N, C-alpha and C. Protein backbone atom coordinates (compact mmCIF):
# COMPACT_ATOMS: atom_id res chain seq x y z
N MET A 1 40.62 -69.86 16.78
CA MET A 1 39.62 -69.03 17.46
C MET A 1 38.60 -68.49 16.48
N ALA A 2 39.10 -68.04 15.32
CA ALA A 2 38.21 -67.51 14.30
C ALA A 2 37.31 -68.61 13.74
N LEU A 3 37.88 -69.79 13.60
CA LEU A 3 37.09 -70.90 13.08
C LEU A 3 35.98 -71.27 14.04
N GLU A 4 36.28 -71.24 15.33
CA GLU A 4 35.26 -71.55 16.32
C GLU A 4 34.13 -70.53 16.30
N LEU A 5 34.49 -69.25 16.13
CA LEU A 5 33.46 -68.21 16.04
C LEU A 5 32.58 -68.39 14.82
N TRP A 6 33.20 -68.75 13.68
CA TRP A 6 32.43 -68.97 12.45
C TRP A 6 31.47 -70.12 12.61
N GLU A 7 31.91 -71.19 13.23
CA GLU A 7 31.04 -72.35 13.46
C GLU A 7 29.89 -71.96 14.39
N ALA A 8 30.21 -71.22 15.41
CA ALA A 8 29.15 -70.80 16.34
C ALA A 8 28.15 -69.89 15.64
N LEU A 9 28.63 -69.02 14.71
CA LEU A 9 27.73 -68.12 13.97
C LEU A 9 26.81 -68.92 13.06
N LYS A 10 27.35 -69.90 12.38
CA LYS A 10 26.52 -70.71 11.49
C LYS A 10 25.45 -71.44 12.27
N GLU A 11 25.81 -71.97 13.42
CA GLU A 11 24.83 -72.67 14.24
C GLU A 11 23.74 -71.70 14.71
N SER A 12 24.14 -70.50 15.06
CA SER A 12 23.15 -69.49 15.51
C SER A 12 22.21 -69.10 14.38
N ILE A 13 22.74 -68.93 13.16
CA ILE A 13 21.90 -68.56 12.01
C ILE A 13 20.88 -69.65 11.75
N THR A 14 21.34 -70.88 11.75
CA THR A 14 20.44 -72.00 11.50
C THR A 14 19.39 -72.12 12.60
N ALA A 15 19.82 -71.90 13.85
CA ALA A 15 18.89 -72.04 14.97
C ALA A 15 17.84 -70.94 14.98
N TYR A 16 18.19 -69.71 14.68
CA TYR A 16 17.25 -68.58 14.81
C TYR A 16 16.45 -68.29 13.53
N THR A 17 17.01 -68.61 12.36
CA THR A 17 16.31 -68.27 11.11
C THR A 17 15.77 -69.49 10.39
N GLY A 18 16.33 -70.66 10.70
CA GLY A 18 15.92 -71.87 10.00
C GLY A 18 16.51 -71.96 8.62
N LEU A 19 17.42 -71.05 8.28
CA LEU A 19 18.06 -71.04 6.97
C LEU A 19 19.50 -71.49 7.13
N SER A 20 20.00 -72.01 6.03
CA SER A 20 21.42 -72.35 6.02
C SER A 20 22.20 -71.05 5.95
N PRO A 21 23.43 -71.06 6.39
CA PRO A 21 24.24 -69.84 6.32
C PRO A 21 24.31 -69.24 4.93
N ALA A 22 24.42 -70.09 3.88
CA ALA A 22 24.49 -69.57 2.51
C ALA A 22 23.20 -68.85 2.14
N SER A 23 22.04 -69.48 2.47
CA SER A 23 20.74 -68.86 2.15
C SER A 23 20.57 -67.54 2.92
N PHE A 24 21.00 -67.53 4.18
CA PHE A 24 20.86 -66.32 5.00
C PHE A 24 21.63 -65.15 4.40
N PHE A 25 22.89 -65.42 4.03
CA PHE A 25 23.70 -64.33 3.48
C PHE A 25 23.20 -63.89 2.11
N THR A 26 22.61 -64.82 1.36
CA THR A 26 22.02 -64.44 0.06
C THR A 26 20.86 -63.48 0.27
N VAL A 27 20.01 -63.79 1.26
CA VAL A 27 18.88 -62.92 1.57
C VAL A 27 19.36 -61.54 2.01
N VAL A 28 20.41 -61.51 2.81
CA VAL A 28 20.95 -60.23 3.29
C VAL A 28 21.46 -59.39 2.13
N VAL A 29 22.17 -60.02 1.21
CA VAL A 29 22.71 -59.28 0.06
C VAL A 29 21.60 -58.73 -0.82
N VAL A 30 20.58 -59.58 -1.06
CA VAL A 30 19.45 -59.12 -1.89
C VAL A 30 18.73 -57.96 -1.22
N GLY A 31 18.55 -58.06 0.08
CA GLY A 31 17.88 -56.98 0.82
C GLY A 31 18.65 -55.67 0.75
N LEU A 32 19.96 -55.73 0.92
CA LEU A 32 20.79 -54.52 0.83
C LEU A 32 20.74 -53.92 -0.57
N THR A 33 20.72 -54.80 -1.58
CA THR A 33 20.65 -54.30 -2.96
C THR A 33 19.34 -53.57 -3.22
N LEU A 34 18.24 -54.19 -2.77
CA LEU A 34 16.93 -53.54 -2.94
C LEU A 34 16.88 -52.21 -2.19
N TYR A 35 17.43 -52.18 -1.01
CA TYR A 35 17.43 -50.94 -0.23
C TYR A 35 18.21 -49.84 -0.95
N TYR A 36 19.33 -50.22 -1.54
CA TYR A 36 20.16 -49.24 -2.25
C TYR A 36 19.41 -48.69 -3.46
N VAL A 37 18.74 -49.60 -4.22
CA VAL A 37 18.02 -49.16 -5.42
C VAL A 37 16.85 -48.26 -5.05
N VAL A 38 16.07 -48.66 -4.06
CA VAL A 38 14.91 -47.86 -3.65
C VAL A 38 15.35 -46.51 -3.08
N SER A 39 16.43 -46.50 -2.32
CA SER A 39 16.92 -45.24 -1.75
C SER A 39 17.33 -44.26 -2.84
N ASN A 40 18.01 -44.77 -3.86
CA ASN A 40 18.41 -43.90 -4.97
C ASN A 40 17.20 -43.37 -5.74
N LEU A 41 16.19 -44.25 -5.91
CA LEU A 41 15.01 -43.84 -6.66
C LEU A 41 14.28 -42.72 -5.94
N PHE A 42 13.96 -42.92 -4.68
CA PHE A 42 13.23 -41.90 -3.93
C PHE A 42 14.11 -40.69 -3.61
N GLY A 43 15.40 -40.93 -3.48
CA GLY A 43 16.29 -39.81 -3.23
C GLY A 43 16.32 -38.85 -4.40
N SER A 44 16.37 -39.38 -5.63
CA SER A 44 16.36 -38.51 -6.80
C SER A 44 15.04 -37.79 -6.93
N PHE A 45 13.94 -38.47 -6.58
CA PHE A 45 12.62 -37.82 -6.64
C PHE A 45 12.55 -36.67 -5.64
N ASP A 46 13.05 -36.92 -4.42
CA ASP A 46 13.04 -35.86 -3.40
C ASP A 46 13.92 -34.70 -3.81
N ASP A 47 15.07 -35.00 -4.40
CA ASP A 47 15.97 -33.93 -4.84
C ASP A 47 15.31 -33.07 -5.91
N GLY A 48 14.63 -33.73 -6.86
CA GLY A 48 13.93 -32.98 -7.90
C GLY A 48 12.81 -32.13 -7.32
N HIS A 49 12.10 -32.71 -6.35
CA HIS A 49 11.01 -31.96 -5.71
C HIS A 49 11.55 -30.77 -4.94
N ILE A 50 12.67 -30.99 -4.24
CA ILE A 50 13.27 -29.90 -3.47
C ILE A 50 13.78 -28.81 -4.40
N GLN A 51 14.39 -29.21 -5.51
CA GLN A 51 14.88 -28.22 -6.46
C GLN A 51 13.74 -27.42 -7.07
N GLN A 52 12.64 -28.12 -7.36
CA GLN A 52 11.48 -27.42 -7.92
C GLN A 52 10.93 -26.41 -6.92
N ARG A 53 10.82 -26.82 -5.65
CA ARG A 53 10.34 -25.92 -4.62
C ARG A 53 11.30 -24.74 -4.44
N SER A 54 12.59 -25.02 -4.58
CA SER A 54 13.58 -23.95 -4.44
C SER A 54 13.42 -22.93 -5.56
N ARG A 55 13.15 -23.42 -6.78
CA ARG A 55 12.96 -22.51 -7.90
C ARG A 55 11.72 -21.65 -7.71
N VAL A 56 10.64 -22.28 -7.22
CA VAL A 56 9.41 -21.53 -6.97
C VAL A 56 9.64 -20.48 -5.90
N PHE A 57 10.36 -20.87 -4.85
CA PHE A 57 10.63 -19.93 -3.76
C PHE A 57 11.48 -18.77 -4.27
N GLU A 58 12.48 -19.07 -5.11
CA GLU A 58 13.33 -18.01 -5.65
C GLU A 58 12.53 -17.06 -6.53
N GLU A 59 11.55 -17.63 -7.30
CA GLU A 59 10.72 -16.77 -8.14
C GLU A 59 9.87 -15.84 -7.30
N LYS A 60 9.37 -16.38 -6.19
CA LYS A 60 8.51 -15.56 -5.33
C LYS A 60 9.31 -14.51 -4.58
N THR A 61 10.59 -14.80 -4.33
CA THR A 61 11.39 -13.87 -3.55
C THR A 61 12.36 -13.08 -4.43
N GLU A 62 11.97 -12.87 -5.68
CA GLU A 62 12.81 -12.05 -6.55
C GLU A 62 12.88 -10.63 -5.98
N PRO A 63 14.01 -9.99 -6.11
CA PRO A 63 14.12 -8.62 -5.58
C PRO A 63 13.12 -7.69 -6.22
N LEU A 64 12.48 -6.87 -5.38
CA LEU A 64 11.47 -5.94 -5.87
C LEU A 64 12.15 -4.78 -6.58
N PRO A 65 11.49 -4.25 -7.62
CA PRO A 65 12.06 -3.07 -8.28
C PRO A 65 12.08 -1.88 -7.34
N PRO A 66 13.00 -0.97 -7.52
CA PRO A 66 13.05 0.20 -6.63
C PRO A 66 11.79 1.03 -6.75
N PRO A 67 11.32 1.63 -5.65
CA PRO A 67 10.11 2.44 -5.69
C PRO A 67 10.24 3.59 -6.67
N VAL A 68 9.14 3.86 -7.38
CA VAL A 68 9.11 4.95 -8.36
C VAL A 68 8.42 6.15 -7.72
N GLN A 69 9.08 7.28 -7.73
CA GLN A 69 8.53 8.50 -7.16
C GLN A 69 7.45 9.06 -8.09
N LEU A 70 6.25 9.20 -7.56
CA LEU A 70 5.13 9.68 -8.37
C LEU A 70 4.95 11.19 -8.28
N GLY A 71 5.37 11.77 -7.19
CA GLY A 71 5.10 13.20 -6.98
C GLY A 71 3.68 13.38 -6.48
N GLU A 72 3.01 14.39 -6.98
CA GLU A 72 1.65 14.69 -6.55
C GLU A 72 0.66 14.13 -7.56
N VAL A 73 -0.26 13.28 -7.09
CA VAL A 73 -1.27 12.67 -7.95
C VAL A 73 -2.64 12.87 -7.33
N THR A 74 -3.66 12.73 -8.14
CA THR A 74 -5.02 12.84 -7.64
C THR A 74 -5.46 11.51 -7.04
N ALA A 75 -6.56 11.56 -6.30
CA ALA A 75 -7.10 10.34 -5.71
C ALA A 75 -7.53 9.37 -6.79
N GLU A 76 -8.00 9.89 -7.92
CA GLU A 76 -8.42 9.04 -9.03
C GLU A 76 -7.22 8.34 -9.65
N GLU A 77 -6.10 9.04 -9.77
CA GLU A 77 -4.89 8.44 -10.33
C GLU A 77 -4.31 7.39 -9.38
N LEU A 78 -4.47 7.59 -8.09
CA LEU A 78 -3.95 6.65 -7.10
C LEU A 78 -4.64 5.29 -7.20
N LYS A 79 -5.88 5.27 -7.68
CA LYS A 79 -6.63 4.01 -7.80
C LYS A 79 -5.98 3.03 -8.77
N GLN A 80 -5.14 3.53 -9.66
CA GLN A 80 -4.49 2.66 -10.63
C GLN A 80 -3.46 1.73 -9.97
N TYR A 81 -3.11 2.02 -8.73
CA TYR A 81 -2.08 1.25 -8.03
C TYR A 81 -2.67 0.42 -6.90
N ASP A 82 -3.83 -0.20 -7.16
CA ASP A 82 -4.51 -1.00 -6.14
C ASP A 82 -4.13 -2.48 -6.19
N GLY A 83 -3.16 -2.83 -7.03
CA GLY A 83 -2.70 -4.22 -7.11
C GLY A 83 -3.35 -5.02 -8.21
N SER A 84 -4.34 -4.47 -8.90
CA SER A 84 -4.99 -5.21 -9.98
C SER A 84 -4.06 -5.42 -11.16
N ASP A 85 -3.10 -4.52 -11.34
CA ASP A 85 -2.10 -4.67 -12.39
C ASP A 85 -0.78 -5.06 -11.73
N PRO A 86 -0.35 -6.33 -11.89
CA PRO A 86 0.88 -6.78 -11.20
C PRO A 86 2.13 -6.08 -11.67
N LYS A 87 2.07 -5.39 -12.81
CA LYS A 87 3.24 -4.69 -13.32
C LYS A 87 3.44 -3.33 -12.65
N LYS A 88 2.41 -2.87 -11.95
CA LYS A 88 2.50 -1.57 -11.29
C LYS A 88 2.74 -1.77 -9.79
N PRO A 89 3.40 -0.82 -9.14
CA PRO A 89 3.61 -0.94 -7.68
C PRO A 89 2.29 -0.87 -6.93
N LEU A 90 2.31 -1.40 -5.74
CA LEU A 90 1.13 -1.40 -4.88
C LEU A 90 1.26 -0.24 -3.90
N LEU A 91 0.32 0.71 -3.99
CA LEU A 91 0.44 1.93 -3.20
C LEU A 91 -0.81 2.15 -2.36
N MET A 92 -0.63 2.86 -1.26
CA MET A 92 -1.75 3.35 -0.46
C MET A 92 -1.26 4.58 0.30
N ALA A 93 -2.22 5.38 0.77
CA ALA A 93 -1.86 6.65 1.39
C ALA A 93 -2.41 6.75 2.80
N ILE A 94 -1.68 7.49 3.63
CA ILE A 94 -2.12 7.83 4.97
C ILE A 94 -1.89 9.32 5.16
N LYS A 95 -2.97 10.03 5.50
CA LYS A 95 -2.90 11.48 5.73
C LYS A 95 -2.27 12.19 4.54
N GLY A 96 -2.64 11.74 3.34
CA GLY A 96 -2.20 12.39 2.12
C GLY A 96 -0.82 11.98 1.65
N GLN A 97 -0.10 11.15 2.43
CA GLN A 97 1.25 10.71 2.05
C GLN A 97 1.15 9.30 1.45
N ILE A 98 1.68 9.12 0.25
CA ILE A 98 1.57 7.85 -0.47
C ILE A 98 2.80 7.00 -0.19
N TYR A 99 2.57 5.71 0.13
CA TYR A 99 3.66 4.78 0.44
C TYR A 99 3.59 3.58 -0.50
N ASP A 100 4.76 3.05 -0.83
CA ASP A 100 4.86 1.85 -1.67
C ASP A 100 4.83 0.63 -0.75
N VAL A 101 3.74 -0.13 -0.81
CA VAL A 101 3.57 -1.31 0.07
C VAL A 101 3.68 -2.60 -0.73
N THR A 102 4.40 -2.55 -1.86
CA THR A 102 4.52 -3.72 -2.73
C THR A 102 5.11 -4.91 -1.98
N GLN A 103 6.04 -4.67 -1.07
CA GLN A 103 6.68 -5.76 -0.34
C GLN A 103 5.69 -6.49 0.58
N SER A 104 4.56 -5.89 0.87
CA SER A 104 3.54 -6.53 1.71
C SER A 104 2.30 -6.87 0.88
N ARG A 105 2.54 -7.35 -0.34
CA ARG A 105 1.42 -7.67 -1.24
C ARG A 105 0.49 -8.71 -0.63
N MET A 106 1.03 -9.60 0.21
CA MET A 106 0.18 -10.63 0.81
C MET A 106 -0.86 -10.02 1.75
N PHE A 107 -0.62 -8.80 2.23
CA PHE A 107 -1.59 -8.12 3.09
C PHE A 107 -2.45 -7.13 2.32
N TYR A 108 -1.81 -6.34 1.45
CA TYR A 108 -2.52 -5.26 0.77
C TYR A 108 -2.86 -5.56 -0.69
N GLY A 109 -2.34 -6.67 -1.21
CA GLY A 109 -2.63 -7.04 -2.58
C GLY A 109 -3.96 -7.76 -2.70
N PRO A 110 -4.38 -8.10 -3.93
CA PRO A 110 -5.64 -8.81 -4.14
C PRO A 110 -5.72 -10.08 -3.31
N GLY A 111 -6.82 -10.25 -2.60
CA GLY A 111 -7.00 -11.41 -1.73
C GLY A 111 -6.45 -11.24 -0.34
N GLY A 112 -5.73 -10.16 -0.09
CA GLY A 112 -5.17 -9.93 1.24
C GLY A 112 -6.20 -9.34 2.19
N PRO A 113 -5.94 -9.39 3.50
CA PRO A 113 -6.93 -8.90 4.47
C PRO A 113 -7.16 -7.40 4.39
N TYR A 114 -6.18 -6.64 3.89
CA TYR A 114 -6.32 -5.19 3.78
C TYR A 114 -6.32 -4.73 2.32
N ALA A 115 -6.75 -5.59 1.43
CA ALA A 115 -6.70 -5.28 0.00
C ALA A 115 -7.55 -4.07 -0.36
N LEU A 116 -8.64 -3.84 0.37
CA LEU A 116 -9.52 -2.72 0.03
C LEU A 116 -8.90 -1.37 0.35
N PHE A 117 -7.78 -1.35 1.11
CA PHE A 117 -7.11 -0.09 1.41
C PHE A 117 -6.17 0.34 0.28
N ALA A 118 -5.77 -0.59 -0.56
CA ALA A 118 -4.79 -0.30 -1.60
C ALA A 118 -5.37 0.65 -2.64
N GLY A 119 -4.54 1.55 -3.13
CA GLY A 119 -4.96 2.49 -4.15
C GLY A 119 -5.83 3.62 -3.61
N LYS A 120 -5.85 3.79 -2.29
CA LYS A 120 -6.70 4.82 -1.69
C LYS A 120 -5.95 5.48 -0.53
N ASP A 121 -6.46 6.63 -0.12
CA ASP A 121 -6.05 7.22 1.15
C ASP A 121 -7.00 6.66 2.19
N ALA A 122 -6.52 5.69 2.96
CA ALA A 122 -7.37 4.95 3.90
C ALA A 122 -7.25 5.48 5.32
N SER A 123 -6.97 6.76 5.47
CA SER A 123 -6.73 7.32 6.81
C SER A 123 -7.91 7.09 7.74
N ARG A 124 -9.09 7.42 7.30
CA ARG A 124 -10.27 7.30 8.17
C ARG A 124 -10.55 5.84 8.53
N ALA A 125 -10.41 4.96 7.55
CA ALA A 125 -10.65 3.54 7.81
C ALA A 125 -9.63 2.97 8.79
N LEU A 126 -8.37 3.37 8.67
CA LEU A 126 -7.35 2.89 9.59
C LEU A 126 -7.57 3.44 11.00
N ALA A 127 -7.97 4.69 11.07
CA ALA A 127 -8.21 5.29 12.39
C ALA A 127 -9.36 4.59 13.11
N LYS A 128 -10.40 4.23 12.36
CA LYS A 128 -11.58 3.60 12.96
C LYS A 128 -11.51 2.07 12.90
N MET A 129 -10.47 1.54 12.22
CA MET A 129 -10.37 0.10 11.94
C MET A 129 -11.68 -0.37 11.32
N SER A 130 -12.08 0.35 10.30
CA SER A 130 -13.34 0.09 9.62
C SER A 130 -13.06 -0.43 8.21
N PHE A 131 -13.94 -1.29 7.74
CA PHE A 131 -13.85 -1.80 6.37
C PHE A 131 -15.05 -1.34 5.54
N GLU A 132 -15.72 -0.30 6.00
CA GLU A 132 -16.86 0.24 5.27
C GLU A 132 -16.36 1.12 4.12
N ASP A 133 -17.08 1.06 3.01
CA ASP A 133 -16.68 1.83 1.83
C ASP A 133 -16.67 3.32 2.10
N ASN A 134 -17.62 3.80 2.89
CA ASN A 134 -17.68 5.24 3.13
C ASN A 134 -16.57 5.74 4.05
N ASP A 135 -15.79 4.83 4.65
CA ASP A 135 -14.65 5.22 5.48
C ASP A 135 -13.33 5.16 4.72
N LEU A 136 -13.37 4.72 3.47
CA LEU A 136 -12.14 4.64 2.68
C LEU A 136 -11.84 6.00 2.08
N THR A 137 -11.45 6.92 2.93
CA THR A 137 -11.21 8.29 2.54
C THR A 137 -10.16 8.91 3.45
N GLY A 138 -9.62 10.03 3.03
CA GLY A 138 -8.66 10.74 3.85
C GLY A 138 -9.30 11.78 4.74
N ASP A 139 -10.63 11.86 4.75
CA ASP A 139 -11.34 12.84 5.58
C ASP A 139 -11.30 12.42 7.04
N LEU A 140 -10.76 13.28 7.88
CA LEU A 140 -10.63 12.98 9.32
C LEU A 140 -11.64 13.74 10.16
N THR A 141 -12.63 14.32 9.53
CA THR A 141 -13.62 15.11 10.25
C THR A 141 -14.38 14.26 11.25
N GLY A 142 -14.48 14.76 12.49
CA GLY A 142 -15.30 14.09 13.50
C GLY A 142 -14.62 12.95 14.22
N LEU A 143 -13.37 12.66 13.94
CA LEU A 143 -12.68 11.55 14.62
C LEU A 143 -12.30 11.95 16.05
N GLY A 144 -12.35 10.99 16.94
CA GLY A 144 -12.01 11.24 18.33
C GLY A 144 -10.52 11.14 18.59
N VAL A 145 -10.16 11.41 19.85
CA VAL A 145 -8.74 11.42 20.23
C VAL A 145 -8.12 10.04 20.07
N PHE A 146 -8.82 9.00 20.50
CA PHE A 146 -8.28 7.65 20.43
C PHE A 146 -8.13 7.20 18.98
N GLU A 147 -9.05 7.60 18.13
CA GLU A 147 -8.97 7.25 16.72
C GLU A 147 -7.80 7.95 16.04
N LEU A 148 -7.58 9.20 16.39
CA LEU A 148 -6.45 9.93 15.83
C LEU A 148 -5.12 9.36 16.32
N ASP A 149 -5.09 8.91 17.58
CA ASP A 149 -3.88 8.26 18.10
C ASP A 149 -3.60 6.95 17.36
N ALA A 150 -4.66 6.20 17.10
CA ALA A 150 -4.49 4.95 16.35
C ALA A 150 -3.96 5.23 14.95
N LEU A 151 -4.48 6.28 14.32
CA LEU A 151 -4.00 6.65 12.99
C LEU A 151 -2.53 7.07 13.03
N GLN A 152 -2.16 7.77 14.10
CA GLN A 152 -0.76 8.19 14.24
C GLN A 152 0.17 6.99 14.35
N ASP A 153 -0.28 5.96 15.07
CA ASP A 153 0.51 4.73 15.18
C ASP A 153 0.70 4.08 13.81
N TRP A 154 -0.38 4.04 13.02
CA TRP A 154 -0.28 3.50 11.67
C TRP A 154 0.71 4.30 10.83
N GLU A 155 0.65 5.62 10.95
CA GLU A 155 1.55 6.46 10.16
C GLU A 155 3.00 6.21 10.54
N TYR A 156 3.29 6.09 11.84
CA TYR A 156 4.66 5.80 12.27
C TYR A 156 5.14 4.45 11.71
N LYS A 157 4.24 3.48 11.71
CA LYS A 157 4.58 2.16 11.19
C LYS A 157 4.93 2.24 9.71
N PHE A 158 4.12 2.97 8.94
CA PHE A 158 4.37 3.09 7.50
C PHE A 158 5.65 3.88 7.23
N MET A 159 5.88 4.92 8.01
CA MET A 159 7.09 5.73 7.81
C MET A 159 8.35 4.92 8.07
N GLY A 160 8.29 3.98 9.03
CA GLY A 160 9.46 3.19 9.36
C GLY A 160 9.66 1.98 8.46
N LYS A 161 8.61 1.53 7.77
CA LYS A 161 8.70 0.29 7.00
C LYS A 161 8.70 0.50 5.49
N TYR A 162 7.95 1.50 5.02
CA TYR A 162 7.77 1.68 3.58
C TYR A 162 8.37 3.00 3.11
N VAL A 163 8.55 3.08 1.80
CA VAL A 163 9.12 4.28 1.18
C VAL A 163 7.99 5.20 0.72
N LYS A 164 8.12 6.46 1.07
CA LYS A 164 7.14 7.44 0.61
C LYS A 164 7.45 7.79 -0.84
N VAL A 165 6.42 7.73 -1.71
CA VAL A 165 6.64 7.94 -3.14
C VAL A 165 5.84 9.10 -3.71
N GLY A 166 5.05 9.78 -2.87
CA GLY A 166 4.28 10.91 -3.40
C GLY A 166 3.26 11.40 -2.41
N THR A 167 2.42 12.31 -2.88
CA THR A 167 1.35 12.87 -2.06
C THR A 167 0.07 12.91 -2.88
N VAL A 168 -1.06 12.94 -2.16
CA VAL A 168 -2.36 13.03 -2.81
C VAL A 168 -2.71 14.50 -2.98
N LYS A 169 -3.06 14.87 -4.18
CA LYS A 169 -3.39 16.26 -4.48
C LYS A 169 -4.72 16.61 -3.82
N THR A 170 -4.75 17.71 -3.09
CA THR A 170 -5.97 18.16 -2.44
C THR A 170 -6.58 19.29 -3.24
N THR A 171 -7.90 19.31 -3.29
CA THR A 171 -8.60 20.36 -4.03
C THR A 171 -8.85 21.54 -3.11
N VAL A 172 -8.51 22.73 -3.57
CA VAL A 172 -8.71 23.95 -2.79
C VAL A 172 -9.95 24.66 -3.30
N PRO A 173 -10.93 24.97 -2.44
CA PRO A 173 -12.15 25.64 -2.90
C PRO A 173 -11.83 27.03 -3.45
N VAL A 174 -12.49 27.37 -4.55
CA VAL A 174 -12.28 28.67 -5.19
C VAL A 174 -13.17 29.70 -4.53
N THR A 175 -12.59 30.82 -4.10
CA THR A 175 -13.38 31.88 -3.47
C THR A 175 -14.06 32.70 -4.55
N VAL A 176 -15.35 32.99 -4.34
CA VAL A 176 -16.14 33.73 -5.30
C VAL A 176 -16.02 35.21 -5.01
N GLY A 177 -15.77 36.04 -6.05
CA GLY A 177 -15.64 37.48 -5.88
C GLY A 177 -16.99 38.15 -5.82
N PRO A 178 -17.34 39.00 -6.81
CA PRO A 178 -18.65 39.65 -6.82
C PRO A 178 -19.76 38.63 -6.94
N SER A 179 -20.91 38.99 -6.42
CA SER A 179 -22.04 38.08 -6.49
C SER A 179 -22.39 37.81 -7.93
N GLU A 180 -22.88 36.57 -8.18
CA GLU A 180 -23.16 36.15 -9.54
C GLU A 180 -24.21 37.02 -10.20
N GLY A 181 -25.13 37.56 -9.42
CA GLY A 181 -26.21 38.35 -9.99
C GLY A 181 -25.79 39.74 -10.38
N GLN A 182 -24.61 40.17 -9.94
CA GLN A 182 -24.18 41.53 -10.21
C GLN A 182 -23.26 41.53 -11.42
N SER A 183 -23.58 42.28 -12.43
CA SER A 183 -22.79 42.33 -13.65
C SER A 183 -21.61 43.26 -13.47
N ALA A 184 -20.64 43.15 -14.39
CA ALA A 184 -19.46 44.00 -14.32
C ALA A 184 -19.82 45.45 -14.55
N GLU A 185 -20.79 45.71 -15.45
CA GLU A 185 -21.19 47.07 -15.72
C GLU A 185 -21.81 47.72 -14.50
N ALA A 186 -22.60 46.92 -13.77
CA ALA A 186 -23.24 47.44 -12.56
C ALA A 186 -22.19 47.79 -11.53
N SER A 187 -21.14 46.93 -11.44
CA SER A 187 -20.09 47.20 -10.46
C SER A 187 -19.34 48.47 -10.80
N GLN A 188 -19.07 48.67 -12.11
CA GLN A 188 -18.37 49.87 -12.52
C GLN A 188 -19.20 51.11 -12.30
N SER A 189 -20.51 51.02 -12.58
CA SER A 189 -21.37 52.17 -12.38
C SER A 189 -21.47 52.54 -10.92
N ASP A 190 -21.47 51.49 -10.06
CA ASP A 190 -21.51 51.77 -8.62
C ASP A 190 -20.22 52.44 -8.17
N ALA A 191 -19.11 52.06 -8.84
CA ALA A 191 -17.84 52.61 -8.42
C ALA A 191 -17.73 54.09 -8.76
N VAL A 192 -18.30 54.50 -9.88
CA VAL A 192 -18.17 55.90 -10.29
C VAL A 192 -19.35 56.74 -9.86
N LYS A 193 -20.37 56.14 -9.30
CA LYS A 193 -21.55 56.88 -8.87
C LYS A 193 -21.21 57.71 -7.65
N PRO A 194 -21.43 59.01 -7.68
CA PRO A 194 -21.09 59.84 -6.51
C PRO A 194 -22.00 59.53 -5.34
N SER A 195 -21.44 59.69 -4.19
CA SER A 195 -22.22 59.45 -2.99
C SER A 195 -23.24 60.56 -2.82
N GLU A 196 -24.45 60.17 -2.40
CA GLU A 196 -25.51 61.15 -2.23
C GLU A 196 -25.24 62.07 -1.06
N GLU A 197 -24.41 61.60 -0.12
CA GLU A 197 -24.15 62.42 1.06
C GLU A 197 -23.11 63.50 0.78
N CYS A 198 -22.29 63.33 -0.27
CA CYS A 198 -21.24 64.30 -0.58
C CYS A 198 -21.75 65.28 -1.63
N PRO A 199 -21.35 66.53 -1.58
CA PRO A 199 -21.77 67.49 -2.60
C PRO A 199 -21.11 67.19 -3.91
N SER A 200 -21.79 67.57 -4.99
CA SER A 200 -21.24 67.32 -6.32
C SER A 200 -20.09 68.28 -6.58
N GLU A 201 -19.27 67.94 -7.61
CA GLU A 201 -18.12 68.77 -7.92
C GLU A 201 -18.51 70.15 -8.44
N THR A 202 -19.71 70.26 -9.08
CA THR A 202 -20.15 71.54 -9.64
C THR A 202 -20.80 72.42 -8.60
N ALA A 203 -21.08 71.87 -7.44
CA ALA A 203 -21.78 72.66 -6.43
C ALA A 203 -20.88 73.74 -5.87
N ALA A 204 -19.63 73.46 -5.69
CA ALA A 204 -18.72 74.43 -5.08
C ALA A 204 -18.51 75.66 -5.96
N PRO A 205 -18.24 75.52 -7.26
CA PRO A 205 -18.08 76.72 -8.08
C PRO A 205 -19.34 77.57 -8.13
N LYS A 206 -20.51 76.98 -8.21
CA LYS A 206 -21.76 77.72 -8.28
C LYS A 206 -21.95 78.53 -7.01
N GLU A 207 -21.64 77.88 -5.90
CA GLU A 207 -21.82 78.57 -4.61
C GLU A 207 -20.85 79.73 -4.50
N THR A 208 -19.67 79.62 -5.06
CA THR A 208 -18.69 80.70 -5.02
C THR A 208 -19.14 81.88 -5.85
N GLU A 209 -19.73 81.63 -7.02
CA GLU A 209 -20.22 82.71 -7.87
C GLU A 209 -21.31 83.50 -7.17
N GLU A 210 -22.20 82.86 -6.45
CA GLU A 210 -23.28 83.54 -5.75
C GLU A 210 -22.69 84.44 -4.67
N ASN A 211 -21.67 83.98 -3.97
CA ASN A 211 -21.06 84.78 -2.91
C ASN A 211 -20.37 86.03 -3.49
N ASN A 212 -19.72 85.86 -4.65
CA ASN A 212 -19.08 87.01 -5.29
C ASN A 212 -20.08 88.06 -5.73
N ALA A 213 -21.25 87.60 -6.24
CA ALA A 213 -22.29 88.52 -6.67
C ALA A 213 -22.80 89.33 -5.48
N GLU A 214 -22.98 88.70 -4.35
CA GLU A 214 -23.48 89.39 -3.16
C GLU A 214 -22.47 90.45 -2.69
N LYS A 215 -21.18 90.15 -2.81
CA LYS A 215 -20.15 91.12 -2.39
C LYS A 215 -20.15 92.37 -3.28
N LYS A 216 -20.36 92.14 -4.59
CA LYS A 216 -20.39 93.28 -5.51
C LYS A 216 -21.55 94.21 -5.25
N GLU A 217 -22.68 93.64 -4.86
CA GLU A 217 -23.85 94.45 -4.55
C GLU A 217 -23.59 95.28 -3.30
């Protein structure tokens, strides 16, 4: 039975390929060998490429350093954390509260869509969704109800996603005491100057002496 099948196979090979059975099997073996060699060649190339991509991905996804608490800083000091120095954290502020947004460098870092907000208190710009330079400030004067609501939504988002690392120092206006034109000597002289409406201290004794003289007479 096996011999009959082999004979039928040889006849089929010759009929369909025009090759003798020996030539056909030689071609098949050579083809399988070439396939094995090519597969190993491209397989090693793909593995190396995948490993290289894995290394790059691992470098990009290295764990971020823990946020550094800054405390209270000025607006000028906050500008140092705008992402221009990759060794420093990426910070921005909302309503005077500073947040570490380093994990979202693709958005707030150099080249990102919100890069101009980094290193600043961008409250007004976020409330108005403005990218104008004069709106990159924490001044909320004149904002409407809807703008303040939008800013509140941004603040909630930052509070839930990022770590607060400090506050922006606000300048308090100094109240002026005496008028600049009035000297200290003038103020002191005014303080000791008797009121014109009140009698002087020497008036009472003099008046008493006159009354005593009249009684003696």
